[in-house]
N, C-alpha and C. Protein backbone atom coordinates (compact mmCIF):
# COMPACT_ATOMS: atom_id res chain seq x y z
N MET A 1 -5.46 -8.60 10.29
CA MET A 1 -5.78 -7.82 9.60
C MET A 1 -7.31 -7.82 9.20
N PHE A 2 -7.75 -6.53 8.93
CA PHE A 2 -9.23 -6.74 8.48
C PHE A 2 -9.19 -5.78 7.16
N LEU A 3 -10.45 -6.29 6.42
CA LEU A 3 -11.14 -5.62 5.22
C LEU A 3 -12.39 -5.27 5.12
N HIS A 4 -12.65 -3.94 4.87
CA HIS A 4 -13.77 -3.30 5.15
C HIS A 4 -14.35 -3.78 3.46
N LEU A 5 -15.96 -4.12 3.66
CA LEU A 5 -16.39 -4.60 2.67
C LEU A 5 -17.56 -3.62 2.21
N GLY A 6 -17.82 -2.85 2.96
CA GLY A 6 -19.03 -1.69 2.69
C GLY A 6 -19.84 -1.85 3.95
N GLY A 7 -20.35 -0.43 4.13
CA GLY A 7 -21.56 -0.69 5.41
C GLY A 7 -20.51 -0.53 6.48
N SER A 8 -20.95 -1.39 7.36
CA SER A 8 -20.26 -1.58 8.56
C SER A 8 -19.76 -3.03 8.76
N SER A 9 -19.58 -3.50 7.52
CA SER A 9 -19.10 -5.15 7.32
C SER A 9 -17.64 -5.03 7.40
N ILE A 10 -16.82 -5.68 7.91
CA ILE A 10 -15.37 -5.62 7.99
C ILE A 10 -15.27 -7.55 8.27
N VAL A 11 -14.30 -7.76 7.59
CA VAL A 11 -13.98 -9.42 7.90
C VAL A 11 -12.53 -9.47 8.08
N ASP A 12 -12.12 -10.46 8.72
CA ASP A 12 -10.60 -11.04 8.89
C ASP A 12 -10.18 -11.60 7.52
N LEU A 13 -9.07 -10.98 7.30
CA LEU A 13 -8.32 -11.47 5.98
C LEU A 13 -8.24 -12.93 6.07
N ASN A 14 -7.85 -13.66 7.23
CA ASN A 14 -7.57 -14.63 7.53
C ASN A 14 -8.49 -15.47 7.11
N LYS A 15 -9.72 -15.23 7.41
CA LYS A 15 -10.98 -15.86 7.16
C LYS A 15 -11.67 -16.14 5.68
N ILE A 16 -10.93 -15.28 5.04
CA ILE A 16 -11.73 -15.27 3.50
C ILE A 16 -10.99 -16.35 2.68
N ILE A 17 -12.03 -17.09 2.06
CA ILE A 17 -11.47 -18.28 1.22
C ILE A 17 -11.67 -17.95 -0.30
N VAL A 18 -12.56 -16.99 -0.71
CA VAL A 18 -12.53 -16.33 -2.19
C VAL A 18 -13.26 -15.13 -1.96
N VAL A 19 -12.88 -14.32 -3.14
CA VAL A 19 -13.75 -13.23 -3.50
C VAL A 19 -14.33 -13.35 -4.98
N LEU A 20 -15.44 -13.44 -5.45
CA LEU A 20 -15.55 -13.28 -6.74
C LEU A 20 -16.27 -12.05 -7.35
N ASN A 21 -15.95 -11.79 -8.90
CA ASN A 21 -16.76 -10.49 -9.15
C ASN A 21 -17.96 -10.95 -9.78
N LEU A 22 -18.99 -10.57 -9.40
CA LEU A 22 -20.10 -10.88 -10.13
C LEU A 22 -20.65 -10.54 -11.27
N ASP A 23 -19.89 -9.40 -11.91
CA ASP A 23 -20.02 -9.13 -13.12
C ASP A 23 -19.43 -10.41 -14.13
N LYS A 24 -18.60 -11.14 -13.79
CA LYS A 24 -17.83 -12.38 -14.45
C LYS A 24 -18.78 -13.67 -14.54
N ILE A 25 -19.82 -13.45 -13.40
CA ILE A 25 -20.61 -14.86 -13.39
C ILE A 25 -21.72 -14.69 -14.36
N GLU A 26 -21.84 -15.87 -14.88
CA GLU A 26 -23.03 -15.60 -16.09
C GLU A 26 -24.42 -16.10 -14.96
N HIS A 27 -25.09 -15.44 -15.61
CA HIS A 27 -26.69 -15.84 -14.52
C HIS A 27 -26.57 -15.56 -13.01
N PRO A 28 -25.97 -14.46 -12.84
CA PRO A 28 -25.64 -14.36 -11.18
C PRO A 28 -27.04 -14.30 -10.43
N GLY A 29 -27.95 -13.91 -10.55
CA GLY A 29 -29.13 -14.29 -10.07
C GLY A 29 -29.45 -15.71 -9.84
N LYS A 30 -29.56 -16.59 -10.79
CA LYS A 30 -29.79 -18.09 -10.91
C LYS A 30 -28.37 -18.46 -9.70
N TYR A 31 -27.33 -18.02 -9.83
CA TYR A 31 -26.29 -18.47 -9.26
C TYR A 31 -26.41 -18.19 -7.78
N LEU A 32 -26.91 -17.24 -7.48
CA LEU A 32 -27.15 -16.62 -5.95
C LEU A 32 -28.18 -17.16 -5.36
N ASN A 33 -29.35 -17.47 -6.09
CA ASN A 33 -30.53 -18.37 -5.60
C ASN A 33 -29.84 -19.79 -5.02
N MET A 34 -29.22 -20.25 -5.80
CA MET A 34 -28.61 -21.56 -5.88
C MET A 34 -27.62 -21.45 -4.49
N LEU A 35 -26.82 -20.67 -4.64
CA LEU A 35 -25.91 -20.35 -3.22
C LEU A 35 -26.64 -20.38 -2.00
N ARG A 36 -27.78 -19.32 -2.06
CA ARG A 36 -28.44 -19.49 -1.06
C ARG A 36 -29.20 -20.28 -0.23
N GLU A 37 -29.39 -21.41 -1.20
CA GLU A 37 -30.12 -22.67 -0.70
C GLU A 37 -29.13 -23.47 -0.31
N GLU A 38 -27.92 -23.63 -0.94
CA GLU A 38 -26.64 -24.36 -0.21
C GLU A 38 -26.36 -24.01 1.05
N GLU A 39 -26.41 -22.75 1.18
CA GLU A 39 -25.78 -21.97 2.44
C GLU A 39 -26.72 -22.48 3.73
N LYS A 40 -28.00 -22.24 3.26
CA LYS A 40 -29.04 -22.89 4.20
C LYS A 40 -28.75 -24.38 5.01
N LYS A 41 -28.69 -25.11 3.81
CA LYS A 41 -28.37 -26.62 4.32
C LYS A 41 -27.18 -26.66 4.96
N LYS A 42 -26.17 -25.97 4.77
CA LYS A 42 -25.03 -26.03 5.53
C LYS A 42 -25.26 -25.08 7.07
N GLY A 43 -26.00 -24.33 6.92
CA GLY A 43 -26.27 -23.42 8.27
C GLY A 43 -25.13 -22.31 8.13
N ARG A 44 -24.64 -21.78 7.30
CA ARG A 44 -23.80 -20.47 7.29
C ARG A 44 -24.90 -19.26 6.97
N ILE A 45 -24.34 -18.35 7.27
CA ILE A 45 -25.07 -16.89 7.02
C ILE A 45 -24.43 -16.48 5.82
N MET A 46 -25.75 -16.01 5.21
CA MET A 46 -25.66 -15.41 3.82
C MET A 46 -25.93 -13.89 4.10
N GLU A 47 -25.07 -12.48 4.07
CA GLU A 47 -25.25 -11.28 4.40
C GLU A 47 -25.49 -10.44 3.16
N GLU A 48 -26.21 -9.67 2.65
CA GLU A 48 -26.07 -8.81 1.75
C GLU A 48 -26.01 -7.31 2.40
N ILE A 49 -24.90 -6.54 2.08
CA ILE A 49 -24.85 -5.03 2.56
C ILE A 49 -25.80 -4.17 1.83
N ALA A 50 -26.53 -3.46 2.30
CA ALA A 50 -27.49 -2.89 1.60
C ALA A 50 -26.96 -1.63 1.10
N GLU A 51 -26.08 -1.08 0.43
CA GLU A 51 -25.67 0.11 0.17
C GLU A 51 -25.68 -0.03 -1.36
N GLY A 52 -26.40 -0.80 -2.08
CA GLY A 52 -26.33 -0.83 -3.59
C GLY A 52 -26.44 -2.42 -4.02
N GLU A 53 -26.28 -2.25 -5.51
CA GLU A 53 -26.46 -3.58 -6.14
C GLU A 53 -25.11 -4.18 -6.02
N PRO A 54 -25.19 -5.44 -5.54
CA PRO A 54 -23.85 -6.28 -5.51
C PRO A 54 -22.98 -6.35 -6.40
N LYS A 55 -21.77 -6.16 -6.23
CA LYS A 55 -20.74 -6.16 -7.30
C LYS A 55 -19.76 -7.28 -7.10
N SER A 56 -19.71 -7.68 -5.55
CA SER A 56 -18.69 -8.87 -5.60
C SER A 56 -19.36 -9.94 -4.54
N LEU A 57 -18.89 -11.14 -4.27
CA LEU A 57 -19.20 -12.13 -3.43
C LEU A 57 -18.13 -12.54 -2.84
N ILE A 58 -18.05 -12.50 -1.24
CA ILE A 58 -16.91 -13.00 -0.48
C ILE A 58 -17.35 -14.02 0.29
N ILE A 59 -16.82 -15.14 0.16
CA ILE A 59 -16.75 -16.56 1.01
C ILE A 59 -15.93 -16.64 1.82
N THR A 60 -16.36 -16.83 3.11
CA THR A 60 -15.39 -16.98 4.37
C THR A 60 -15.83 -18.12 5.14
N GLU A 61 -15.07 -18.42 6.20
CA GLU A 61 -15.05 -19.66 6.81
C GLU A 61 -16.42 -19.90 7.42
N ASN A 62 -17.16 -18.87 7.87
CA ASN A 62 -18.62 -18.96 8.42
C ASN A 62 -19.65 -18.22 7.66
N SER A 63 -19.36 -17.46 6.50
CA SER A 63 -20.48 -16.68 6.00
C SER A 63 -20.13 -16.47 4.42
N VAL A 64 -21.26 -16.00 3.75
CA VAL A 64 -21.27 -15.56 2.40
C VAL A 64 -21.57 -14.15 2.60
N ILE A 65 -20.85 -13.14 1.79
CA ILE A 65 -21.27 -11.83 1.96
C ILE A 65 -21.27 -11.10 0.38
N LEU A 66 -22.35 -10.54 0.31
CA LEU A 66 -22.53 -9.74 -1.01
C LEU A 66 -22.18 -8.53 -0.74
N SER A 67 -21.32 -7.77 -1.61
CA SER A 67 -20.94 -6.40 -1.21
C SER A 67 -21.10 -5.47 -2.31
N PRO A 68 -21.28 -4.22 -2.20
CA PRO A 68 -21.46 -3.36 -3.47
C PRO A 68 -20.20 -2.74 -3.94
N ILE A 69 -18.96 -3.20 -3.17
CA ILE A 69 -17.70 -2.86 -3.41
C ILE A 69 -17.11 -4.21 -4.55
N SER A 70 -16.70 -3.59 -5.33
CA SER A 70 -15.93 -4.56 -6.51
C SER A 70 -14.84 -5.23 -6.23
N SER A 71 -14.78 -6.34 -6.52
CA SER A 71 -13.62 -7.16 -6.48
C SER A 71 -12.39 -6.55 -6.34
N LEU A 72 -12.36 -5.78 -7.55
CA LEU A 72 -10.87 -5.04 -7.82
C LEU A 72 -10.60 -4.17 -6.77
N THR A 73 -11.51 -3.17 -6.20
CA THR A 73 -11.19 -2.31 -5.05
C THR A 73 -11.00 -3.15 -4.12
N LEU A 74 -11.51 -4.32 -3.76
CA LEU A 74 -11.35 -5.03 -2.58
C LEU A 74 -9.75 -5.52 -2.66
N LYS A 75 -9.34 -5.83 -3.77
CA LYS A 75 -8.02 -6.31 -3.80
C LYS A 75 -7.12 -5.25 -3.68
N LYS A 76 -7.50 -3.94 -3.99
CA LYS A 76 -6.47 -2.99 -3.74
C LYS A 76 -6.33 -2.72 -2.65
N ARG A 77 -7.55 -2.64 -1.53
CA ARG A 77 -7.65 -2.67 -0.32
C ARG A 77 -6.63 -3.53 0.62
N THR A 78 -6.55 -4.55 -0.13
CA THR A 78 -5.70 -5.63 0.68
C THR A 78 -4.33 -5.30 0.45
N ASN A 79 -3.83 -4.76 -0.93
CA ASN A 79 -2.41 -4.44 -1.09
C ASN A 79 -1.95 -3.14 -0.15
N LYS A 80 -2.81 -2.46 0.56
CA LYS A 80 -2.37 -1.55 1.10
C LYS A 80 -2.09 -1.74 2.50
N ILE A 81 -2.39 -3.16 3.02
CA ILE A 81 -2.58 -3.48 4.14
C ILE A 81 -1.03 -4.24 4.47
N PRO A 82 -0.16 -3.99 5.36
CA PRO A 82 1.22 -4.13 5.57
C PRO A 82 0.90 -6.00 5.90
N ILE A 83 1.81 -6.69 5.31
CA ILE A 83 1.79 -8.15 5.57
C ILE A 83 3.21 -8.43 6.26
N LYS A 84 2.96 -9.24 7.32
CA LYS A 84 4.18 -9.70 8.18
C LYS A 84 4.42 -11.04 7.60
N PHE A 85 5.56 -11.08 7.70
CA PHE A 85 6.19 -12.55 7.46
C PHE A 85 6.71 -13.03 8.37
N GLU A 86 6.17 -14.21 8.84
CA GLU A 86 6.78 -14.71 9.94
C GLU A 86 7.70 -15.93 9.85
């Protein structure tokens, strides 16, 4: 299953490691600058969806994505996706 993160960005739910609410992070600008530097060192992609101010930070296996969609809305979207138990 996939999750729409805004714009034309979608991500496989199985690849998501964590979704963070940027409103709850103290000094988000400093945090994002530090994260950008770390991601460059690791060779991972940092993508910003240009639809507005970032509200959530999604870390996946291969990338870090700044989304204008709140973490609560993203969580609600995942609850609408049927989960298969194997």
